[in-house]
Amino acid sequence: PTETLEKFLTTYEQVYIKFAAYDQKDLEVIKEFAYKNKN
């Protein structure tokens, strides 16, 4: 849910992300989101 995650991060101050991961494919999705929304 990239778009709604970005809305939460923009709207709320007391918020953080806890990514679940099982394999490298999962981690690549996590990294892509993190670098896109580093700010």
PDB file of all heavy atoms in Angstrom:
ATOM      1  N   PRO A   1       0.801  -1.238   0.000  1.00  0.00           N
ATOM      2  CA  PRO A   1       0.000   0.000   0.000  1.00  0.00           C
ATOM      3  C   PRO A   1       0.834   1.288   0.000  1.00  0.00           C
ATOM      4  O   PRO A   1       0.742   2.109   0.923  1.00  0.00           O
ATOM      5  CB  PRO A   1      -0.800  -0.130   1.294  1.00  0.00           C
ATOM      6  CG  PRO A   1       0.139  -0.838   2.219  1.00  0.00           C
ATOM      7  CD  PRO A   1       0.907  -1.808   1.360  1.00  0.00           C
ATOM      8  N   THR A   2       1.602   1.502  -1.026  1.00  0.00           N
ATOM      9  CA  THR A   2       2.534   2.636  -1.059  1.00  0.00           C
ATOM     10  C   THR A   2       1.855   3.973  -0.799  1.00  0.00           C
ATOM     11  O   THR A   2       2.306   4.759   0.048  1.00  0.00           O
ATOM     12  CB  THR A   2       3.262   2.677  -2.415  1.00  0.00           C
ATOM     13  OG1 THR A   2       4.009   1.463  -2.581  1.00  0.00           O
ATOM     14  CG2 THR A   2       4.207   3.869  -2.488  1.00  0.00           C
ATOM     15  N   GLU A   3       0.772   4.249  -1.500  1.00  0.00           N
ATOM     16  CA  GLU A   3       0.140   5.573  -1.409  1.00  0.00           C
ATOM     17  C   GLU A   3      -0.430   5.856  -0.024  1.00  0.00           C
ATOM     18  O   GLU A   3      -0.269   6.966   0.510  1.00  0.00           O
ATOM     19  CB  GLU A   3      -0.949   5.714  -2.474  1.00  0.00           C
ATOM     20  CG  GLU A   3      -0.387   5.769  -3.895  1.00  0.00           C
ATOM     21  CD  GLU A   3      -1.478   6.028  -4.920  1.00  0.00           C
ATOM     22  OE1 GLU A   3      -2.641   6.278  -4.530  1.00  0.00           O
ATOM     23  OE2 GLU A   3      -1.162   5.986  -6.124  1.00  0.00           O
ATOM     24  N   THR A   4      -1.091   4.875   0.571  1.00  0.00           N
ATOM     25  CA  THR A   4      -1.677   5.131   1.886  1.00  0.00           C
ATOM     26  C   THR A   4      -0.593   5.211   2.967  1.00  0.00           C
ATOM     27  O   THR A   4      -0.726   5.992   3.921  1.00  0.00           O
ATOM     28  CB  THR A   4      -2.710   4.053   2.263  1.00  0.00           C
ATOM     29  OG1 THR A   4      -2.164   2.756   2.028  1.00  0.00           O
ATOM     30  CG2 THR A   4      -3.975   4.220   1.458  1.00  0.00           C
ATOM     31  N   LEU A   5       0.480   4.451   2.821  1.00  0.00           N
ATOM     32  CA  LEU A   5       1.590   4.584   3.766  1.00  0.00           C
ATOM     33  C   LEU A   5       2.162   5.997   3.723  1.00  0.00           C
ATOM     34  O   LEU A   5       2.451   6.604   4.762  1.00  0.00           O
ATOM     35  CB  LEU A   5       2.696   3.576   3.435  1.00  0.00           C
ATOM     36  CG  LEU A   5       2.391   2.096   3.649  1.00  0.00           C
ATOM     37  CD1 LEU A   5       3.568   1.253   3.179  1.00  0.00           C
ATOM     38  CD2 LEU A   5       2.070   1.804   5.106  1.00  0.00           C
ATOM     39  N   GLU A   6       2.315   6.533   2.523  1.00  0.00           N
ATOM     40  CA  GLU A   6       2.842   7.891   2.373  1.00  0.00           C
ATOM     41  C   GLU A   6       1.908   8.914   3.017  1.00  0.00           C
ATOM     42  O   GLU A   6       2.372   9.882   3.635  1.00  0.00           O
ATOM     43  CB  GLU A   6       3.038   8.199   0.890  1.00  0.00           C
ATOM     44  CG  GLU A   6       4.172   7.400   0.255  1.00  0.00           C
ATOM     45  CD  GLU A   6       4.226   7.511  -1.256  1.00  0.00           C
ATOM     46  OE1 GLU A   6       3.250   8.033  -1.855  1.00  0.00           O
ATOM     47  OE2 GLU A   6       5.224   7.088  -1.842  1.00  0.00           O
ATOM     48  N   LYS A   7       0.586   8.686   2.916  1.00  0.00           N
ATOM     49  CA  LYS A   7      -0.375   9.596   3.546  1.00  0.00           C
ATOM     50  C   LYS A   7      -0.244   9.560   5.065  1.00  0.00           C
ATOM     51  O   LYS A   7      -0.282  10.609   5.724  1.00  0.00           O
ATOM     52  CB  LYS A   7      -1.805   9.233   3.135  1.00  0.00           C
ATOM     53  CG  LYS A   7      -2.158   9.606   1.708  1.00  0.00           C
ATOM     54  CD  LYS A   7      -3.605   9.244   1.409  1.00  0.00           C
ATOM     55  CE  LYS A   7      -3.988   9.602  -0.015  1.00  0.00           C
ATOM     56  NZ  LYS A   7      -5.390   9.213  -0.317  1.00  0.00           N
ATOM     57  N   PHE A   8      -0.099   8.369   5.629  1.00  0.00           N
ATOM     58  CA  PHE A   8       0.081   8.248   7.086  1.00  0.00           C
ATOM     59  C   PHE A   8       1.351   8.977   7.526  1.00  0.00           C
ATOM     60  O   PHE A   8       1.350   9.722   8.515  1.00  0.00           O
ATOM     61  CB  PHE A   8       0.169   6.782   7.500  1.00  0.00           C
ATOM     62  CG  PHE A   8      -1.150   6.129   7.775  1.00  0.00           C
ATOM     63  CD1 PHE A   8      -1.646   5.164   6.914  1.00  0.00           C
ATOM     64  CD2 PHE A   8      -1.886   6.460   8.899  1.00  0.00           C
ATOM     65  CE1 PHE A   8      -2.861   4.543   7.170  1.00  0.00           C
ATOM     66  CE2 PHE A   8      -3.103   5.850   9.168  1.00  0.00           C
ATOM     67  CZ  PHE A   8      -3.597   4.885   8.294  1.00  0.00           C
ATOM     68  N   LEU A   9       2.439   8.769   6.817  1.00  0.00           N
ATOM     69  CA  LEU A   9       3.717   9.385   7.180  1.00  0.00           C
ATOM     70  C   LEU A   9       3.674  10.908   7.046  1.00  0.00           C
ATOM     71  O   LEU A   9       4.350  11.617   7.791  1.00  0.00           O
ATOM     72  CB  LEU A   9       4.836   8.815   6.312  1.00  0.00           C
ATOM     73  CG  LEU A   9       5.201   7.347   6.568  1.00  0.00           C
ATOM     74  CD1 LEU A   9       6.146   6.847   5.486  1.00  0.00           C
ATOM     75  CD2 LEU A   9       5.829   7.180   7.947  1.00  0.00           C
ATOM     76  N   THR A  10       2.882  11.393   6.126  1.00  0.00           N
ATOM     77  CA  THR A  10       2.748  12.835   5.918  1.00  0.00           C
ATOM     78  C   THR A  10       1.830  13.470   6.955  1.00  0.00           C
ATOM     79  O   THR A  10       2.057  14.601   7.397  1.00  0.00           O
ATOM     80  CB  THR A  10       2.187  13.124   4.508  1.00  0.00           C
ATOM     81  OG1 THR A  10       3.065  12.570   3.526  1.00  0.00           O
ATOM     82  CG2 THR A  10       2.062  14.619   4.255  1.00  0.00           C
ATOM     83  N   THR A  11       0.806  12.749   7.377  1.00  0.00           N
ATOM     84  CA  THR A  11      -0.252  13.302   8.226  1.00  0.00           C
ATOM     85  C   THR A  11       0.071  13.241   9.715  1.00  0.00           C
ATOM     86  O   THR A  11      -0.280  14.154  10.468  1.00  0.00           O
ATOM     87  CB  THR A  11      -1.578  12.565   7.947  1.00  0.00           C
ATOM     88  OG1 THR A  11      -1.880  12.659   6.550  1.00  0.00           O
ATOM     89  CG2 THR A  11      -2.714  13.167   8.765  1.00  0.00           C
ATOM     90  N   TYR A  12       0.739  12.168  10.151  1.00  0.00           N
ATOM     91  CA  TYR A  12       0.953  11.937  11.582  1.00  0.00           C
ATOM     92  C   TYR A  12       2.427  12.067  11.951  1.00  0.00           C
ATOM     93  O   TYR A  12       3.311  11.694  11.180  1.00  0.00           O
ATOM     94  CB  TYR A  12       0.453  10.546  11.978  1.00  0.00           C
ATOM     95  CG  TYR A  12      -1.045  10.384  11.843  1.00  0.00           C
ATOM     96  CD1 TYR A  12      -1.604   9.855  10.677  1.00  0.00           C
ATOM     97  CD2 TYR A  12      -1.904  10.784  12.856  1.00  0.00           C
ATOM     98  CE1 TYR A  12      -2.978   9.717  10.539  1.00  0.00           C
ATOM     99  CE2 TYR A  12      -3.275  10.649  12.730  1.00  0.00           C
ATOM    100  CZ  TYR A  12      -3.816  10.116  11.572  1.00  0.00           C
ATOM    101  OH  TYR A  12      -5.170   9.995  11.448  1.00  0.00           O
ATOM    102  N   GLU A  13       2.676  12.588  13.152  1.00  0.00           N
ATOM    103  CA  GLU A  13       4.050  12.713  13.642  1.00  0.00           C
ATOM    104  C   GLU A  13       4.484  11.466  14.405  1.00  0.00           C
ATOM    105  O   GLU A  13       5.617  11.006  14.262  1.00  0.00           O
ATOM    106  CB  GLU A  13       4.179  13.951  14.539  1.00  0.00           C
ATOM    107  CG  GLU A  13       4.077  15.264  13.779  1.00  0.00           C
ATOM    108  CD  GLU A  13       4.384  16.458  14.651  1.00  0.00           C
ATOM    109  OE1 GLU A  13       4.841  16.251  15.801  1.00  0.00           O
ATOM    110  OE2 GLU A  13       4.146  17.594  14.203  1.00  0.00           O
ATOM    111  N   GLN A  14       3.604  10.946  15.258  1.00  0.00           N
ATOM    112  CA  GLN A  14       3.932   9.759  16.055  1.00  0.00           C
ATOM    113  C   GLN A  14       3.597   8.508  15.246  1.00  0.00           C
ATOM    114  O   GLN A  14       2.571   7.858  15.451  1.00  0.00           O
ATOM    115  CB  GLN A  14       3.173   9.795  17.380  1.00  0.00           C
ATOM    116  CG  GLN A  14       3.584  10.911  18.306  1.00  0.00           C
ATOM    117  CD  GLN A  14       5.050  10.802  18.713  1.00  0.00           C
ATOM    118  OE1 GLN A  14       5.547   9.736  19.070  1.00  0.00           O
ATOM    119  NE2 GLN A  14       5.756  11.915  18.646  1.00  0.00           N
ATOM    120  N   VAL A  15       4.497   8.163  14.334  1.00  0.00           N
ATOM    121  CA  VAL A  15       4.264   7.038  13.434  1.00  0.00           C
ATOM    122  C   VAL A  15       5.607   6.462  13.004  1.00  0.00           C
ATOM    123  O   VAL A  15       6.584   7.187  12.840  1.00  0.00           O
ATOM    124  CB  VAL A  15       3.436   7.490  12.202  1.00  0.00           C
ATOM    125  CG1 VAL A  15       4.151   8.580  11.416  1.00  0.00           C
ATOM    126  CG2 VAL A  15       3.117   6.311  11.288  1.00  0.00           C
ATOM    127  N   TYR A  16       5.658   5.137  12.890  1.00  0.00           N
ATOM    128  CA  TYR A  16       6.846   4.513  12.309  1.00  0.00           C
ATOM    129  C   TYR A  16       6.432   3.271  11.540  1.00  0.00           C
ATOM    130  O   TYR A  16       5.296   2.806  11.642  1.00  0.00           O
ATOM    131  CB  TYR A  16       7.907   4.200  13.366  1.00  0.00           C
ATOM    132  CG  TYR A  16       7.626   3.025  14.276  1.00  0.00           C
ATOM    133  CD1 TYR A  16       7.999   1.723  13.924  1.00  0.00           C
ATOM    134  CD2 TYR A  16       7.013   3.208  15.522  1.00  0.00           C
ATOM    135  CE1 TYR A  16       7.766   0.653  14.775  1.00  0.00           C
ATOM    136  CE2 TYR A  16       6.784   2.135  16.372  1.00  0.00           C
ATOM    137  CZ  TYR A  16       7.159   0.861  15.991  1.00  0.00           C
ATOM    138  OH  TYR A  16       6.918  -0.197  16.824  1.00  0.00           O
ATOM    139  N   ILE A  17       7.366   2.735  10.736  1.00  0.00           N
ATOM    140  CA  ILE A  17       7.071   1.580   9.898  1.00  0.00           C
ATOM    141  C   ILE A  17       7.790   0.343  10.417  1.00  0.00           C
ATOM    142  O   ILE A  17       8.979   0.382  10.718  1.00  0.00           O
ATOM    143  CB  ILE A  17       7.463   1.824   8.430  1.00  0.00           C
ATOM    144  CG1 ILE A  17       6.814   3.097   7.894  1.00  0.00           C
ATOM    145  CG2 ILE A  17       7.024   0.639   7.569  1.00  0.00           C
ATOM    146  CD1 ILE A  17       7.088   3.351   6.436  1.00  0.00           C
ATOM    147  N   LYS A  18       7.034  -0.738  10.474  1.00  0.00           N
ATOM    148  CA  LYS A  18       7.566  -2.043  10.863  1.00  0.00           C
ATOM    149  C   LYS A  18       7.303  -2.991   9.690  1.00  0.00           C
ATOM    150  O   LYS A  18       6.187  -3.447   9.471  1.00  0.00           O
ATOM    151  CB  LYS A  18       6.860  -2.527  12.127  1.00  0.00           C
ATOM    152  CG  LYS A  18       7.299  -3.878  12.638  1.00  0.00           C
ATOM    153  CD  LYS A  18       6.435  -4.290  13.817  1.00  0.00           C
ATOM    154  CE  LYS A  18       5.027  -4.567  13.386  1.00  0.00           C
ATOM    155  NZ  LYS A  18       4.099  -4.848  14.484  1.00  0.00           N
ATOM    156  N   PHE A  19       8.351  -3.231   8.903  1.00  0.00           N
ATOM    157  CA  PHE A  19       8.212  -4.067   7.718  1.00  0.00           C
ATOM    158  C   PHE A  19       8.410  -5.539   8.072  1.00  0.00           C
ATOM    159  O   PHE A  19       9.402  -5.900   8.712  1.00  0.00           O
ATOM    160  CB  PHE A  19       9.264  -3.702   6.669  1.00  0.00           C
ATOM    161  CG  PHE A  19       9.109  -2.348   6.056  1.00  0.00           C
ATOM    162  CD1 PHE A  19       9.954  -1.310   6.403  1.00  0.00           C
ATOM    163  CD2 PHE A  19       8.138  -2.113   5.092  1.00  0.00           C
ATOM    164  CE1 PHE A  19       9.839  -0.061   5.817  1.00  0.00           C
ATOM    165  CE2 PHE A  19       8.009  -0.867   4.496  1.00  0.00           C
ATOM    166  CZ  PHE A  19       8.864   0.164   4.860  1.00  0.00           C
ATOM    167  N   ALA A  20       7.506  -6.393   7.624  1.00  0.00           N
ATOM    168  CA  ALA A  20       7.723  -7.838   7.720  1.00  0.00           C
ATOM    169  C   ALA A  20       8.491  -8.292   6.485  1.00  0.00           C
ATOM    170  O   ALA A  20       8.293  -7.773   5.390  1.00  0.00           O
ATOM    171  CB  ALA A  20       6.388  -8.569   7.815  1.00  0.00           C
ATOM    172  N   ALA A  21       9.367  -9.270   6.668  1.00  0.00           N
ATOM    173  CA  ALA A  21      10.163  -9.760   5.541  1.00  0.00           C
ATOM    174  C   ALA A  21      10.492 -11.230   5.723  1.00  0.00           C
ATOM    175  O   ALA A  21      10.877 -11.661   6.816  1.00  0.00           O
ATOM    176  CB  ALA A  21      11.445  -8.951   5.403  1.00  0.00           C
ATOM    177  N   TYR A  22      10.364 -11.984   4.620  1.00  0.00           N
ATOM    178  CA  TYR A  22      10.730 -13.395   4.630  1.00  0.00           C
ATOM    179  C   TYR A  22      11.949 -13.690   3.749  1.00  0.00           C
ATOM    180  O   TYR A  22      12.750 -14.568   4.056  1.00  0.00           O
ATOM    181  CB  TYR A  22       9.555 -14.259   4.153  1.00  0.00           C
ATOM    182  CG  TYR A  22       9.935 -15.707   3.973  1.00  0.00           C
ATOM    183  CD1 TYR A  22      10.162 -16.529   5.076  1.00  0.00           C
ATOM    184  CD2 TYR A  22      10.112 -16.251   2.695  1.00  0.00           C
ATOM    185  CE1 TYR A  22      10.552 -17.845   4.916  1.00  0.00           C
ATOM    186  CE2 TYR A  22      10.496 -17.572   2.527  1.00  0.00           C
ATOM    187  CZ  TYR A  22      10.721 -18.359   3.645  1.00  0.00           C
ATOM    188  OH  TYR A  22      11.111 -19.662   3.487  1.00  0.00           O
ATOM    189  N   ASP A  23      12.093 -12.942   2.641  1.00  0.00           N
ATOM    190  CA  ASP A  23      13.179 -13.241   1.709  1.00  0.00           C
ATOM    191  C   ASP A  23      13.698 -11.966   1.047  1.00  0.00           C
ATOM    192  O   ASP A  23      13.265 -10.846   1.370  1.00  0.00           O
ATOM    193  CB  ASP A  23      12.712 -14.258   0.646  1.00  0.00           C
ATOM    194  CG  ASP A  23      11.483 -13.791  -0.129  1.00  0.00           C
ATOM    195  OD1 ASP A  23      11.186 -12.573  -0.125  1.00  0.00           O
ATOM    196  OD2 ASP A  23      10.816 -14.643  -0.740  1.00  0.00           O
ATOM    197  N   GLN A  24      14.616 -12.147   0.120  1.00  0.00           N
ATOM    198  CA  GLN A  24      15.244 -11.009  -0.545  1.00  0.00           C
ATOM    199  C   GLN A  24      14.242 -10.190  -1.349  1.00  0.00           C
ATOM    200  O   GLN A  24      14.334  -8.962  -1.404  1.00  0.00           O
ATOM    201  CB  GLN A  24      16.374 -11.497  -1.466  1.00  0.00           C
ATOM    202  CG  GLN A  24      17.204 -10.376  -2.084  1.00  0.00           C
ATOM    203  CD  GLN A  24      17.966  -9.572  -1.042  1.00  0.00           C
ATOM    204  OE1 GLN A  24      18.561 -10.136  -0.125  1.00  0.00           O
ATOM    205  NE2 GLN A  24      17.954  -8.256  -1.173  1.00  0.00           N
ATOM    206  N   LYS A  25      13.272 -10.863  -1.965  1.00  0.00           N
ATOM    207  CA  LYS A  25      12.247 -10.144  -2.729  1.00  0.00           C
ATOM    208  C   LYS A  25      11.490  -9.171  -1.834  1.00  0.00           C
ATOM    209  O   LYS A  25      11.219  -8.027  -2.221  1.00  0.00           O
ATOM    210  CB  LYS A  25      11.286 -11.136  -3.378  1.00  0.00           C
ATOM    211  CG  LYS A  25      10.228 -10.492  -4.252  1.00  0.00           C
ATOM    212  CD  LYS A  25       9.334 -11.551  -4.884  1.00  0.00           C
ATOM    213  CE  LYS A  25       8.248 -10.904  -5.746  1.00  0.00           C
ATOM    214  NZ  LYS A  25       7.341 -11.936  -6.336  1.00  0.00           N
ATOM    215  N   ASP A  26      11.140  -9.622  -0.638  1.00  0.00           N
ATOM    216  CA  ASP A  26      10.457  -8.749   0.322  1.00  0.00           C
ATOM    217  C   ASP A  26      11.338  -7.558   0.682  1.00  0.00           C
ATOM    218  O   ASP A  26      10.877  -6.412   0.741  1.00  0.00           O
ATOM    219  CB  ASP A  26      10.108  -9.521   1.595  1.00  0.00           C
ATOM    220  CG  ASP A  26       9.056 -10.589   1.380  1.00  0.00           C
ATOM    221  OD1 ASP A  26       8.388 -10.576   0.335  1.00  0.00           O
ATOM    222  OD2 ASP A  26       8.909 -11.443   2.273  1.00  0.00           O
ATOM    223  N   LEU A  27      12.605  -7.818   0.919  1.00  0.00           N
ATOM    224  CA  LEU A  27      13.532  -6.746   1.303  1.00  0.00           C
ATOM    225  C   LEU A  27      13.700  -5.718   0.199  1.00  0.00           C
ATOM    226  O   LEU A  27      13.846  -4.521   0.473  1.00  0.00           O
ATOM    227  CB  LEU A  27      14.883  -7.330   1.703  1.00  0.00           C
ATOM    228  CG  LEU A  27      14.912  -8.098   3.029  1.00  0.00           C
ATOM    229  CD1 LEU A  27      16.252  -8.780   3.216  1.00  0.00           C
ATOM    230  CD2 LEU A  27      14.621  -7.171   4.206  1.00  0.00           C
ATOM    231  N   GLU A  28      13.659  -6.149  -1.061  1.00  0.00           N
ATOM    232  CA  GLU A  28      13.800  -5.201  -2.162  1.00  0.00           C
ATOM    233  C   GLU A  28      12.620  -4.236  -2.218  1.00  0.00           C
ATOM    234  O   GLU A  28      12.781  -3.052  -2.513  1.00  0.00           O
ATOM    235  CB  GLU A  28      13.952  -5.945  -3.489  1.00  0.00           C
ATOM    236  CG  GLU A  28      15.268  -6.704  -3.635  1.00  0.00           C
ATOM    237  CD  GLU A  28      16.491  -5.831  -3.394  1.00  0.00           C
ATOM    238  OE1 GLU A  28      16.516  -4.690  -3.898  1.00  0.00           O
ATOM    239  OE2 GLU A  28      17.430  -6.279  -2.698  1.00  0.00           O
ATOM    240  N   VAL A  29      11.427  -4.743  -1.924  1.00  0.00           N
ATOM    241  CA  VAL A  29      10.242  -3.870  -1.877  1.00  0.00           C
ATOM    242  C   VAL A  29      10.388  -2.856  -0.745  1.00  0.00           C
ATOM    243  O   VAL A  29      10.073  -1.668  -0.896  1.00  0.00           O
ATOM    244  CB  VAL A  29       8.959  -4.709  -1.701  1.00  0.00           C
ATOM    245  CG1 VAL A  29       7.759  -3.807  -1.419  1.00  0.00           C
ATOM    246  CG2 VAL A  29       8.700  -5.547  -2.935  1.00  0.00           C
ATOM    247  N   ILE A  30      10.874  -3.308   0.395  1.00  0.00           N
ATOM    248  CA  ILE A  30      11.093  -2.435   1.546  1.00  0.00           C
ATOM    249  C   ILE A  30      12.094  -1.333   1.209  1.00  0.00           C
ATOM    250  O   ILE A  30      11.870  -0.153   1.483  1.00  0.00           O
ATOM    251  CB  ILE A  30      11.591  -3.268   2.752  1.00  0.00           C
ATOM    252  CG1 ILE A  30      10.485  -4.206   3.241  1.00  0.00           C
ATOM    253  CG2 ILE A  30      12.079  -2.360   3.879  1.00  0.00           C
ATOM    254  CD1 ILE A  30      10.963  -5.266   4.202  1.00  0.00           C
ATOM    255  N   LYS A  31      13.196  -1.711   0.599  1.00  0.00           N
ATOM    256  CA  LYS A  31      14.238  -0.728   0.252  1.00  0.00           C
ATOM    257  C   LYS A  31      13.730   0.285  -0.763  1.00  0.00           C
ATOM    258  O   LYS A  31      14.006   1.485  -0.647  1.00  0.00           O
ATOM    259  CB  LYS A  31      15.469  -1.453  -0.296  1.00  0.00           C
ATOM    260  CG  LYS A  31      16.199  -2.305   0.735  1.00  0.00           C
ATOM    261  CD  LYS A  31      17.310  -3.102   0.057  1.00  0.00           C
ATOM    262  CE  LYS A  31      17.889  -4.149   0.973  1.00  0.00           C
ATOM    263  NZ  LYS A  31      18.908  -4.979   0.290  1.00  0.00           N
ATOM    264  N   GLU A  32      12.982  -0.194  -1.742  1.00  0.00           N
ATOM    265  CA  GLU A  32      12.437   0.715  -2.753  1.00  0.00           C
ATOM    266  C   GLU A  32      11.555   1.780  -2.103  1.00  0.00           C
ATOM    267  O   GLU A  32      11.653   2.965  -2.414  1.00  0.00           O
ATOM    268  CB  GLU A  32      11.651  -0.072  -3.791  1.00  0.00           C
ATOM    269  CG  GLU A  32      11.051   0.798  -4.891  1.00  0.00           C
ATOM    270  CD  GLU A  32      10.246   0.002  -5.904  1.00  0.00           C
ATOM    271  OE1 GLU A  32      10.195  -1.252  -5.788  1.00  0.00           O
ATOM    272  OE2 GLU A  32       9.655   0.622  -6.804  1.00  0.00           O
ATOM    273  N   PHE A  33      10.688   1.337  -1.193  1.00  0.00           N
ATOM    274  CA  PHE A  33       9.816   2.293  -0.508  1.00  0.00           C
ATOM    275  C   PHE A  33      10.634   3.246   0.361  1.00  0.00           C
ATOM    276  O   PHE A  33      10.390   4.458   0.372  1.00  0.00           O
ATOM    277  CB  PHE A  33       8.792   1.559   0.361  1.00  0.00           C
ATOM    278  CG  PHE A  33       7.876   2.488   1.104  1.00  0.00           C
ATOM    279  CD1 PHE A  33       6.719   2.949   0.509  1.00  0.00           C
ATOM    280  CD2 PHE A  33       8.179   2.927   2.391  1.00  0.00           C
ATOM    281  CE1 PHE A  33       5.880   3.830   1.179  1.00  0.00           C
ATOM    282  CE2 PHE A  33       7.351   3.804   3.066  1.00  0.00           C
ATOM    283  CZ  PHE A  33       6.198   4.254   2.457  1.00  0.00           C
ATOM    284  N   ALA A  34      11.601   2.724   1.079  1.00  0.00           N
ATOM    285  CA  ALA A  34      12.396   3.546   1.995  1.00  0.00           C
ATOM    286  C   ALA A  34      13.156   4.633   1.246  1.00  0.00           C
ATOM    287  O   ALA A  34      13.160   5.808   1.665  1.00  0.00           O
ATOM    288  CB  ALA A  34      13.358   2.669   2.783  1.00  0.00           C
ATOM    289  N   TYR A  35      13.792   4.281   0.167  1.00  0.00           N
ATOM    290  CA  TYR A  35      14.563   5.284  -0.574  1.00  0.00           C
ATOM    291  C   TYR A  35      13.657   6.314  -1.250  1.00  0.00           C
ATOM    292  O   TYR A  35      13.987   7.502  -1.301  1.00  0.00           O
ATOM    293  CB  TYR A  35      15.462   4.609  -1.609  1.00  0.00           C
ATOM    294  CG  TYR A  35      16.740   4.065  -0.999  1.00  0.00           C
ATOM    295  CD1 TYR A  35      16.920   2.702  -0.790  1.00  0.00           C
ATOM    296  CD2 TYR A  35      17.756   4.931  -0.604  1.00  0.00           C
ATOM    297  CE1 TYR A  35      18.082   2.205  -0.214  1.00  0.00           C
ATOM    298  CE2 TYR A  35      18.926   4.447  -0.026  1.00  0.00           C
ATOM    299  CZ  TYR A  35      19.080   3.096   0.171  1.00  0.00           C
ATOM    300  OH  TYR A  35      20.237   2.611   0.756  1.00  0.00           O
ATOM    301  N   LYS A  36      12.498   5.870  -1.708  1.00  0.00           N
ATOM    302  CA  LYS A  36      11.556   6.802  -2.333  1.00  0.00           C
ATOM    303  C   LYS A  36      11.031   7.817  -1.321  1.00  0.00           C
ATOM    304  O   LYS A  36      10.753   8.975  -1.661  1.00  0.00           O
ATOM    305  CB  LYS A  36      10.384   6.033  -2.949  1.00  0.00           C
ATOM    306  CG  LYS A  36       9.345   6.933  -3.612  1.00  0.00           C
ATOM    307  CD  LYS A  36       8.150   6.128  -4.099  1.00  0.00           C
ATOM    308  CE  LYS A  36       7.079   7.058  -4.680  1.00  0.00           C
ATOM    309  NZ  LYS A  36       5.839   6.329  -5.048  1.00  0.00           N
ATOM    310  N   ASN A  37      10.898   7.403  -0.065  1.00  0.00           N
ATOM    311  CA  ASN A  37      10.274   8.250   0.957  1.00  0.00           C
ATOM    312  C   ASN A  37      11.231   8.597   2.091  1.00  0.00           C
ATOM    313  O   ASN A  37      10.804   8.792   3.230  1.00  0.00           O
ATOM    314  CB  ASN A  37       9.034   7.544   1.508  1.00  0.00           C
ATOM    315  CG  ASN A  37       7.951   7.399   0.470  1.00  0.00           C
ATOM    316  OD1 ASN A  37       7.244   8.349   0.148  1.00  0.00           O
ATOM    317  ND2 ASN A  37       7.828   6.188  -0.081  1.00  0.00           N
ATOM    318  N   LYS A  38      12.493   8.703   1.772  1.00  0.00           N
ATOM    319  CA  LYS A  38      13.498   8.940   2.805  1.00  0.00           C
ATOM    320  C   LYS A  38      13.206  10.204   3.606  1.00  0.00           C
ATOM    321  O   LYS A  38      13.440  10.256   4.822  1.00  0.00           O
ATOM    322  CB  LYS A  38      14.881   9.033   2.158  1.00  0.00           C
ATOM    323  CG  LYS A  38      16.030   8.989   3.154  1.00  0.00           C
ATOM    324  CD  LYS A  38      17.366   8.890   2.449  1.00  0.00           C
ATOM    325  CE  LYS A  38      18.500   8.747   3.462  1.00  0.00           C
ATOM    326  NZ  LYS A  38      19.829   8.624   2.801  1.00  0.00           N
ATOM    327  N   ASN A  39      12.676  11.215   2.962  1.00  0.00           N
ATOM    328  CA  ASN A  39      12.387  12.477   3.652  1.00  0.00           C
ATOM    329  C   ASN A  39      11.209  12.368   4.614  1.00  0.00           C
ATOM    330  O   ASN A  39      11.033  13.217   5.500  1.00  0.00           O
ATOM    331  CB  ASN A  39      12.101  13.583   2.632  1.00  0.00           C
ATOM    332  CG  ASN A  39      10.869  13.311   1.788  1.00  0.00           C
ATOM    333  OD1 ASN A  39      10.680  12.181   1.325  1.00  0.00           O
ATOM    334  ND2 ASN A  39      10.043  14.313   1.564  1.00  0.00           N
TER     335      ASN A  39
END
